[in-house]
N, C-alpha and C. Protein backbone atom coordinates (compact mmCIF):
# COMPACT_ATOMS: atom_id res chain seq x y z
N UNK A 1 0.85 -1.19 0.00
CA UNK A 1 0.00 0.00 0.00
C UNK A 1 0.89 1.24 0.00
N UNK A 2 0.46 2.25 -0.70
CA UNK A 2 1.24 3.49 -0.83
C UNK A 2 1.28 4.25 0.49
N UNK A 3 2.41 4.91 0.70
CA UNK A 3 2.59 5.76 1.87
C UNK A 3 1.81 7.05 1.67
N UNK A 4 1.06 7.44 2.67
CA UNK A 4 0.32 8.71 2.59
C UNK A 4 1.28 9.89 2.74
N UNK A 5 0.90 11.00 2.12
CA UNK A 5 1.70 12.22 2.19
C UNK A 5 1.23 13.06 3.37
N UNK A 6 2.09 13.24 4.35
CA UNK A 6 1.76 14.09 5.50
C UNK A 6 2.04 15.55 5.11
N UNK A 7 1.59 16.46 5.96
CA UNK A 7 1.88 17.89 5.73
C UNK A 7 3.39 18.12 5.72
N UNK A 8 4.11 17.42 6.57
CA UNK A 8 5.56 17.55 6.62
C UNK A 8 6.20 17.03 5.33
N UNK A 9 5.69 15.90 4.81
CA UNK A 9 6.20 15.35 3.55
C UNK A 9 6.01 16.35 2.41
N UNK A 10 4.87 16.99 2.38
CA UNK A 10 4.58 17.97 1.32
C UNK A 10 5.50 19.17 1.44
N UNK A 11 5.74 19.64 2.66
CA UNK A 11 6.69 20.74 2.87
C UNK A 11 8.09 20.34 2.39
N UNK A 12 8.49 19.12 2.74
CA UNK A 12 9.81 18.63 2.33
C UNK A 12 9.91 18.54 0.81
N UNK A 13 8.87 18.03 0.17
CA UNK A 13 8.86 17.91 -1.29
C UNK A 13 9.02 19.29 -1.94
N UNK A 14 8.28 20.26 -1.46
CA UNK A 14 8.36 21.61 -2.03
C UNK A 14 9.75 22.19 -1.86
N UNK A 15 10.36 21.98 -0.69
CA UNK A 15 11.70 22.50 -0.43
C UNK A 15 12.74 21.78 -1.29
N UNK A 16 12.67 20.46 -1.35
CA UNK A 16 13.65 19.68 -2.11
C UNK A 16 13.53 19.94 -3.62
N UNK A 17 12.32 20.23 -4.09
CA UNK A 17 12.09 20.45 -5.51
C UNK A 17 12.84 21.68 -6.03
N UNK A 18 13.20 22.58 -5.15
CA UNK A 18 13.95 23.77 -5.56
C UNK A 18 15.37 23.43 -5.99
N UNK A 19 15.87 22.30 -5.51
CA UNK A 19 17.29 21.98 -5.71
C UNK A 19 17.55 20.63 -6.37
N UNK A 20 16.63 19.67 -6.23
CA UNK A 20 16.92 18.30 -6.65
C UNK A 20 15.96 17.77 -7.70
N UNK A 21 16.40 16.72 -8.40
CA UNK A 21 15.56 16.04 -9.38
C UNK A 21 14.59 15.10 -8.66
N UNK A 22 13.59 14.61 -9.38
CA UNK A 22 12.61 13.68 -8.81
C UNK A 22 13.31 12.42 -8.30
N UNK A 23 14.31 11.95 -9.04
CA UNK A 23 15.06 10.75 -8.64
C UNK A 23 15.71 10.96 -7.27
N UNK A 24 16.37 12.07 -7.10
CA UNK A 24 17.06 12.36 -5.84
C UNK A 24 16.06 12.56 -4.71
N UNK A 25 14.98 13.25 -4.99
CA UNK A 25 13.94 13.47 -3.97
C UNK A 25 13.36 12.14 -3.53
N UNK A 26 13.08 11.27 -4.48
CA UNK A 26 12.52 9.95 -4.17
C UNK A 26 13.47 9.18 -3.24
N UNK A 27 14.75 9.23 -3.54
CA UNK A 27 15.73 8.54 -2.69
C UNK A 27 15.77 9.14 -1.30
N UNK A 28 15.77 10.46 -1.20
CA UNK A 28 15.84 11.14 0.09
C UNK A 28 14.58 10.90 0.93
N UNK A 29 13.42 10.79 0.26
CA UNK A 29 12.16 10.65 0.98
C UNK A 29 11.68 9.21 1.09
N UNK A 30 12.47 8.27 0.56
CA UNK A 30 12.11 6.85 0.56
C UNK A 30 10.74 6.63 -0.10
N UNK A 31 10.62 7.19 -1.31
CA UNK A 31 9.41 7.05 -2.12
C UNK A 31 9.80 6.69 -3.54
N UNK A 32 8.82 6.31 -4.33
CA UNK A 32 9.11 6.01 -5.73
C UNK A 32 9.20 7.32 -6.52
N UNK A 33 9.91 7.27 -7.63
CA UNK A 33 10.00 8.44 -8.50
C UNK A 33 8.61 8.79 -9.01
N UNK A 34 7.84 7.79 -9.40
CA UNK A 34 6.48 8.03 -9.90
C UNK A 34 5.62 8.71 -8.84
N UNK A 35 5.76 8.30 -7.60
CA UNK A 35 5.00 8.91 -6.51
C UNK A 35 5.36 10.36 -6.30
N UNK A 36 6.65 10.65 -6.38
CA UNK A 36 7.13 12.04 -6.22
C UNK A 36 6.62 12.90 -7.37
N UNK A 37 6.75 12.39 -8.59
CA UNK A 37 6.31 13.15 -9.77
C UNK A 37 4.81 13.40 -9.72
N UNK A 38 4.05 12.38 -9.37
CA UNK A 38 2.59 12.50 -9.31
C UNK A 38 2.18 13.55 -8.28
N UNK A 39 2.77 13.49 -7.09
CA UNK A 39 2.41 14.43 -6.04
C UNK A 39 2.82 15.85 -6.42
N UNK A 40 3.99 15.99 -7.02
CA UNK A 40 4.44 17.32 -7.45
C UNK A 40 3.47 17.89 -8.48
N UNK A 41 3.00 17.06 -9.41
CA UNK A 41 2.04 17.54 -10.41
C UNK A 41 0.74 17.95 -9.75
N UNK A 42 0.27 17.17 -8.78
CA UNK A 42 -0.96 17.51 -8.06
C UNK A 42 -0.84 18.87 -7.38
N UNK A 43 0.35 19.14 -6.85
CA UNK A 43 0.58 20.38 -6.09
C UNK A 43 0.99 21.54 -6.98
N UNK A 44 1.26 21.28 -8.25
CA UNK A 44 1.73 22.32 -9.15
C UNK A 44 3.18 22.71 -8.89
N UNK A 45 3.96 21.76 -8.37
CA UNK A 45 5.36 22.00 -8.04
C UNK A 45 6.23 21.56 -9.21
N UNK A 46 7.11 22.43 -9.67
CA UNK A 46 8.02 22.09 -10.75
C UNK A 46 9.21 21.32 -10.20
N UNK A 47 9.62 20.30 -10.94
CA UNK A 47 10.77 19.50 -10.55
C UNK A 47 11.92 19.77 -11.50
N UNK A 48 13.13 19.72 -10.99
CA UNK A 48 14.31 19.89 -11.83
C UNK A 48 14.49 18.65 -12.69
N UNK A 49 14.96 18.84 -13.92
CA UNK A 49 15.24 17.67 -14.77
C UNK A 49 16.42 16.89 -14.20
N UNK A 50 16.53 15.63 -14.61
CA UNK A 50 17.67 14.82 -14.19
C UNK A 50 18.94 15.47 -14.71
N UNK A 51 19.99 15.39 -13.92
CA UNK A 51 21.25 15.97 -14.37
C UNK A 51 21.82 15.09 -15.48
N UNK A 52 22.43 15.73 -16.45
CA UNK A 52 23.03 15.02 -17.58
C UNK A 52 24.42 15.55 -17.79
N UNK A 53 25.28 14.69 -18.30
CA UNK A 53 26.64 15.13 -18.61
C UNK A 53 26.62 15.93 -19.89
N UNK A 54 27.18 17.11 -19.82
CA UNK A 54 27.24 17.97 -21.01
C UNK A 54 28.58 18.66 -21.06
N UNK A 55 28.88 19.20 -22.19
CA UNK A 55 30.06 20.04 -22.34
C UNK A 55 31.35 19.32 -22.04
N UNK A 56 32.25 20.01 -21.35
CA UNK A 56 33.60 19.48 -21.13
C UNK A 56 33.60 18.23 -20.26
N UNK A 57 32.65 18.12 -19.34
CA UNK A 57 32.62 16.94 -18.48
C UNK A 57 32.42 15.69 -19.30
N UNK A 58 31.49 15.72 -20.23
CA UNK A 58 31.24 14.56 -21.07
C UNK A 58 32.43 14.25 -21.96
N UNK A 59 33.03 15.28 -22.55
CA UNK A 59 34.18 15.03 -23.43
C UNK A 59 35.39 14.57 -22.62
N UNK A 60 35.54 15.06 -21.40
CA UNK A 60 36.64 14.60 -20.55
C UNK A 60 36.49 13.12 -20.22
N UNK A 61 35.26 12.71 -19.91
CA UNK A 61 35.02 11.31 -19.60
C UNK A 61 35.26 10.44 -20.83
N UNK A 62 34.81 10.93 -21.97
CA UNK A 62 35.00 10.17 -23.20
C UNK A 62 36.49 10.02 -23.51
N UNK A 63 37.21 11.10 -23.38
CA UNK A 63 38.65 11.09 -23.64
C UNK A 63 39.35 10.15 -22.67
N UNK A 64 38.94 10.16 -21.42
CA UNK A 64 39.54 9.28 -20.42
C UNK A 64 39.26 7.82 -20.70
N UNK A 65 38.08 7.51 -21.22
CA UNK A 65 37.73 6.13 -21.53
C UNK A 65 38.56 5.60 -22.67
N UNK A 66 38.90 6.45 -23.64
CA UNK A 66 39.68 5.99 -24.78
C UNK A 66 41.15 5.79 -24.41
N UNK A 67 41.58 6.41 -23.31
CA UNK A 67 42.97 6.28 -22.87
C UNK A 67 43.23 4.94 -22.19
N UNK A 68 42.18 4.25 -21.78
CA UNK A 68 42.33 3.00 -21.03
C UNK A 68 42.77 1.87 -21.91
């Protein structure tokens, strides 16, 4: 059975959504990503997109992998 959202959980979700992705919030709150996304949508809370490797970080990793 799904965990109910308490007032404290909702406050935490709103605060965490300012800085973290749904994946990270789910891990921090011990909930599923789908549950976090669904509740955020119900509340009209925007979530940050998942972080992705871009720019020099991605090319540095690629270059490092070819050196092995």
